[in-house]
């Protein structure tokens, strides 16, 4: 392998990791939004209220940690196969 291919391979691995973690974060927030919207769907409650309620720093930290754990699990399974 030539040295010029190594950075490209590393950047491809980083992009794949970011995309997979981002997808897990997206699934986390979409699931949270569905649950929150159905939970608060009462008089005067709206989708905008549910969105404001779920986008907090705590939820972001949980989503990123879940994404990292999910990425590690998927990568370990990928290497075992």
N, C-alpha and C. Protein backbone atom coordinates (compact mmCIF):
# COMPACT_ATOMS: atom_id res chain seq x y z
N UNK A 1 0.85 -1.17 0.00
CA UNK A 1 0.00 0.00 0.00
C UNK A 1 0.90 1.24 0.00
N UNK A 2 0.63 2.15 -0.85
CA UNK A 2 1.44 3.35 -0.93
C UNK A 2 1.01 4.35 0.15
N UNK A 3 1.92 5.24 0.55
CA UNK A 3 1.58 6.22 1.60
C UNK A 3 0.44 7.15 1.22
N UNK A 4 0.23 7.37 -0.08
CA UNK A 4 -0.84 8.28 -0.49
C UNK A 4 -2.23 7.67 -0.26
N UNK A 5 -2.33 6.36 -0.17
CA UNK A 5 -3.62 5.72 0.06
C UNK A 5 -3.99 5.67 1.54
N UNK A 6 -3.03 5.73 2.43
CA UNK A 6 -3.28 5.60 3.86
C UNK A 6 -4.18 6.72 4.41
N UNK A 7 -3.91 8.01 4.13
CA UNK A 7 -4.80 9.05 4.66
C UNK A 7 -6.23 8.93 4.10
N UNK A 8 -6.34 8.53 2.85
CA UNK A 8 -7.67 8.38 2.28
C UNK A 8 -8.44 7.27 2.98
N UNK A 9 -7.75 6.20 3.29
CA UNK A 9 -8.38 5.07 3.98
C UNK A 9 -8.79 5.47 5.40
N UNK A 10 -7.94 6.25 6.07
CA UNK A 10 -8.27 6.71 7.41
C UNK A 10 -9.44 7.66 7.39
N UNK A 11 -9.47 8.57 6.43
CA UNK A 11 -10.58 9.51 6.36
C UNK A 11 -11.88 8.79 6.01
N UNK A 12 -11.80 7.75 5.21
CA UNK A 12 -13.01 6.97 4.90
C UNK A 12 -13.53 6.27 6.15
N UNK A 13 -12.63 5.77 6.99
CA UNK A 13 -13.04 5.12 8.23
C UNK A 13 -13.67 6.13 9.20
N UNK A 14 -13.09 7.32 9.25
CA UNK A 14 -13.64 8.36 10.12
C UNK A 14 -15.02 8.78 9.64
N UNK A 15 -15.17 8.96 8.32
CA UNK A 15 -16.48 9.34 7.77
C UNK A 15 -17.52 8.26 8.03
N UNK A 16 -17.12 7.00 7.88
CA UNK A 16 -18.06 5.91 8.14
C UNK A 16 -18.49 5.91 9.60
N UNK A 17 -17.54 6.13 10.50
CA UNK A 17 -17.86 6.18 11.93
C UNK A 17 -18.81 7.34 12.24
N UNK A 18 -18.53 8.51 11.68
CA UNK A 18 -19.39 9.67 11.91
C UNK A 18 -20.80 9.44 11.37
N UNK A 19 -20.89 8.83 10.21
CA UNK A 19 -22.21 8.57 9.61
C UNK A 19 -22.98 7.56 10.45
N UNK A 20 -22.32 6.50 10.89
CA UNK A 20 -23.00 5.49 11.70
C UNK A 20 -23.43 6.06 13.05
N UNK A 21 -22.58 6.84 13.69
CA UNK A 21 -22.93 7.46 14.97
C UNK A 21 -24.06 8.47 14.76
N UNK A 22 -23.98 9.24 13.69
CA UNK A 22 -25.04 10.20 13.38
C UNK A 22 -26.37 9.53 13.13
N UNK A 23 -26.35 8.38 12.49
CA UNK A 23 -27.59 7.65 12.23
C UNK A 23 -28.19 7.14 13.54
N UNK A 24 -27.34 6.66 14.45
CA UNK A 24 -27.84 6.20 15.75
C UNK A 24 -28.42 7.37 16.53
N UNK A 25 -27.77 8.53 16.49
CA UNK A 25 -28.29 9.72 17.16
C UNK A 25 -29.63 10.12 16.55
N UNK A 26 -29.74 10.06 15.22
CA UNK A 26 -31.01 10.36 14.55
C UNK A 26 -32.12 9.41 15.01
N UNK A 27 -31.82 8.12 15.09
CA UNK A 27 -32.82 7.15 15.55
C UNK A 27 -33.21 7.42 17.00
N UNK A 28 -32.24 7.78 17.82
CA UNK A 28 -32.52 8.10 19.23
C UNK A 28 -33.50 9.27 19.31
N UNK A 29 -33.20 10.35 18.60
CA UNK A 29 -34.06 11.53 18.67
C UNK A 29 -35.42 11.30 18.03
N UNK A 30 -35.48 10.54 16.95
CA UNK A 30 -36.78 10.29 16.34
C UNK A 30 -37.65 9.44 17.26
N UNK A 31 -37.04 8.45 17.94
CA UNK A 31 -37.79 7.65 18.89
C UNK A 31 -38.23 8.49 20.08
N UNK A 32 -37.35 9.34 20.57
CA UNK A 32 -37.69 10.23 21.68
C UNK A 32 -38.80 11.19 21.30
N UNK A 33 -38.74 11.71 20.09
CA UNK A 33 -39.77 12.64 19.62
C UNK A 33 -41.13 11.95 19.50
N UNK A 34 -41.14 10.73 18.97
CA UNK A 34 -42.42 10.02 18.86
C UNK A 34 -43.02 9.78 20.24
N UNK A 35 -42.19 9.34 21.18
CA UNK A 35 -42.69 9.10 22.53
C UNK A 35 -43.15 10.37 23.21
N UNK A 36 -42.38 11.44 23.07
CA UNK A 36 -42.73 12.71 23.71
C UNK A 36 -43.98 13.32 23.08
N UNK A 37 -44.10 13.23 21.78
CA UNK A 37 -45.25 13.83 21.11
C UNK A 37 -46.53 13.10 21.48
N UNK A 38 -46.50 11.79 21.56
CA UNK A 38 -47.70 11.06 21.94
C UNK A 38 -47.99 11.23 23.43
N UNK A 39 -46.95 11.43 24.24
CA UNK A 39 -47.14 11.61 25.68
C UNK A 39 -47.75 12.96 26.01
N UNK A 40 -47.32 14.02 25.33
CA UNK A 40 -47.79 15.37 25.66
C UNK A 40 -48.91 15.84 24.73
N UNK A 41 -49.43 14.95 23.93
CA UNK A 41 -50.45 15.34 22.96
C UNK A 41 -51.78 15.60 23.68
N UNK A 42 -51.89 16.74 24.30
CA UNK A 42 -53.10 17.13 25.00
C UNK A 42 -53.54 18.50 24.55
N UNK A 43 -54.39 19.09 25.36
CA UNK A 43 -54.90 20.43 25.06
C UNK A 43 -53.76 21.44 25.06
N UNK A 44 -53.54 22.11 23.94
CA UNK A 44 -52.52 23.15 23.84
C UNK A 44 -51.12 22.63 23.60
N UNK A 45 -50.94 21.34 23.50
CA UNK A 45 -49.61 20.77 23.24
C UNK A 45 -49.44 20.59 21.74
N UNK A 46 -48.24 20.87 21.26
CA UNK A 46 -48.00 20.79 19.83
C UNK A 46 -46.69 20.07 19.56
N UNK A 47 -46.43 19.84 18.28
CA UNK A 47 -45.17 19.23 17.87
C UNK A 47 -44.00 20.13 18.24
N UNK A 48 -44.18 21.43 18.11
CA UNK A 48 -43.11 22.38 18.47
C UNK A 48 -42.79 22.28 19.96
N UNK A 49 -43.79 22.09 20.79
CA UNK A 49 -43.56 21.92 22.23
C UNK A 49 -42.75 20.66 22.50
N UNK A 50 -43.11 19.57 21.82
CA UNK A 50 -42.40 18.31 22.01
C UNK A 50 -40.95 18.43 21.54
N UNK A 51 -40.72 19.11 20.44
CA UNK A 51 -39.35 19.29 19.92
C UNK A 51 -38.52 20.11 20.91
N UNK A 52 -39.10 21.19 21.44
CA UNK A 52 -38.37 22.00 22.42
C UNK A 52 -38.07 21.19 23.68
N UNK A 53 -38.95 20.27 24.01
CA UNK A 53 -38.79 19.49 25.23
C UNK A 53 -37.69 18.43 25.10
N UNK A 54 -37.44 17.90 23.90
CA UNK A 54 -36.47 16.82 23.77
C UNK A 54 -35.05 17.29 23.45
N UNK A 55 -34.89 18.46 22.88
CA UNK A 55 -33.55 18.93 22.53
C UNK A 55 -32.90 19.63 23.71
N UNK A 56 -32.34 18.81 24.59
CA UNK A 56 -31.65 19.32 25.77
C UNK A 56 -30.22 18.79 25.75
N UNK A 57 -29.37 19.38 26.57
CA UNK A 57 -27.98 18.95 26.66
C UNK A 57 -27.90 17.51 27.17
N UNK A 58 -28.74 17.19 28.14
CA UNK A 58 -28.74 15.83 28.70
C UNK A 58 -29.08 14.80 27.63
N UNK A 59 -30.11 15.07 26.85
CA UNK A 59 -30.48 14.14 25.78
C UNK A 59 -29.39 14.04 24.72
N UNK A 60 -28.72 15.14 24.43
CA UNK A 60 -27.62 15.10 23.46
C UNK A 60 -26.48 14.23 23.96
N UNK A 61 -26.13 14.36 25.23
CA UNK A 61 -25.06 13.54 25.81
C UNK A 61 -25.44 12.06 25.75
N UNK A 62 -26.67 11.76 26.12
CA UNK A 62 -27.15 10.37 26.08
C UNK A 62 -27.11 9.85 24.64
N UNK A 63 -27.53 10.66 23.68
CA UNK A 63 -27.55 10.23 22.29
C UNK A 63 -26.14 9.97 21.76
N UNK A 64 -25.19 10.84 22.09
CA UNK A 64 -23.82 10.66 21.60
C UNK A 64 -23.17 9.43 22.25
N UNK A 65 -23.38 9.26 23.55
CA UNK A 65 -22.83 8.07 24.21
C UNK A 65 -23.45 6.80 23.64
N UNK A 66 -24.75 6.82 23.41
CA UNK A 66 -25.42 5.66 22.81
C UNK A 66 -24.89 5.40 21.41
N UNK A 67 -24.66 6.48 20.66
CA UNK A 67 -24.10 6.33 19.32
C UNK A 67 -22.72 5.71 19.33
N UNK A 68 -21.89 6.14 20.26
CA UNK A 68 -20.53 5.58 20.37
C UNK A 68 -20.57 4.11 20.79
N UNK A 69 -21.42 3.79 21.75
CA UNK A 69 -21.56 2.39 22.17
C UNK A 69 -22.08 1.54 21.01
N UNK A 70 -23.08 2.04 20.32
CA UNK A 70 -23.62 1.31 19.17
C UNK A 70 -22.59 1.10 18.08
N UNK A 71 -21.77 2.11 17.82
CA UNK A 71 -20.72 1.98 16.82
C UNK A 71 -19.70 0.93 17.21
N UNK A 72 -19.29 0.93 18.48
CA UNK A 72 -18.31 -0.06 18.95
C UNK A 72 -18.88 -1.47 18.84
N UNK A 73 -20.14 -1.64 19.21
CA UNK A 73 -20.77 -2.96 19.13
C UNK A 73 -20.87 -3.43 17.69
N UNK A 74 -21.31 -2.55 16.79
CA UNK A 74 -21.44 -2.92 15.38
C UNK A 74 -20.08 -3.25 14.77
N UNK A 75 -19.07 -2.46 15.10
CA UNK A 75 -17.73 -2.73 14.56
C UNK A 75 -17.18 -4.05 15.08
N UNK A 76 -17.41 -4.36 16.34
CA UNK A 76 -16.92 -5.63 16.87
C UNK A 76 -17.65 -6.81 16.23
N UNK A 77 -18.95 -6.65 15.98
CA UNK A 77 -19.69 -7.70 15.28
C UNK A 77 -19.22 -7.82 13.83
N UNK A 78 -18.92 -6.71 13.22
CA UNK A 78 -18.46 -6.70 11.84
C UNK A 78 -17.12 -7.43 11.71
N UNK A 79 -16.26 -7.27 12.70
CA UNK A 79 -14.94 -7.92 12.67
C UNK A 79 -15.04 -9.42 12.96
N UNK A 80 -16.06 -9.83 13.73
CA UNK A 80 -16.24 -11.24 14.04
C UNK A 80 -16.78 -12.03 12.86
N UNK A 81 -17.50 -11.38 11.99
CA UNK A 81 -18.12 -12.08 10.86
C UNK A 81 -17.13 -12.34 9.77
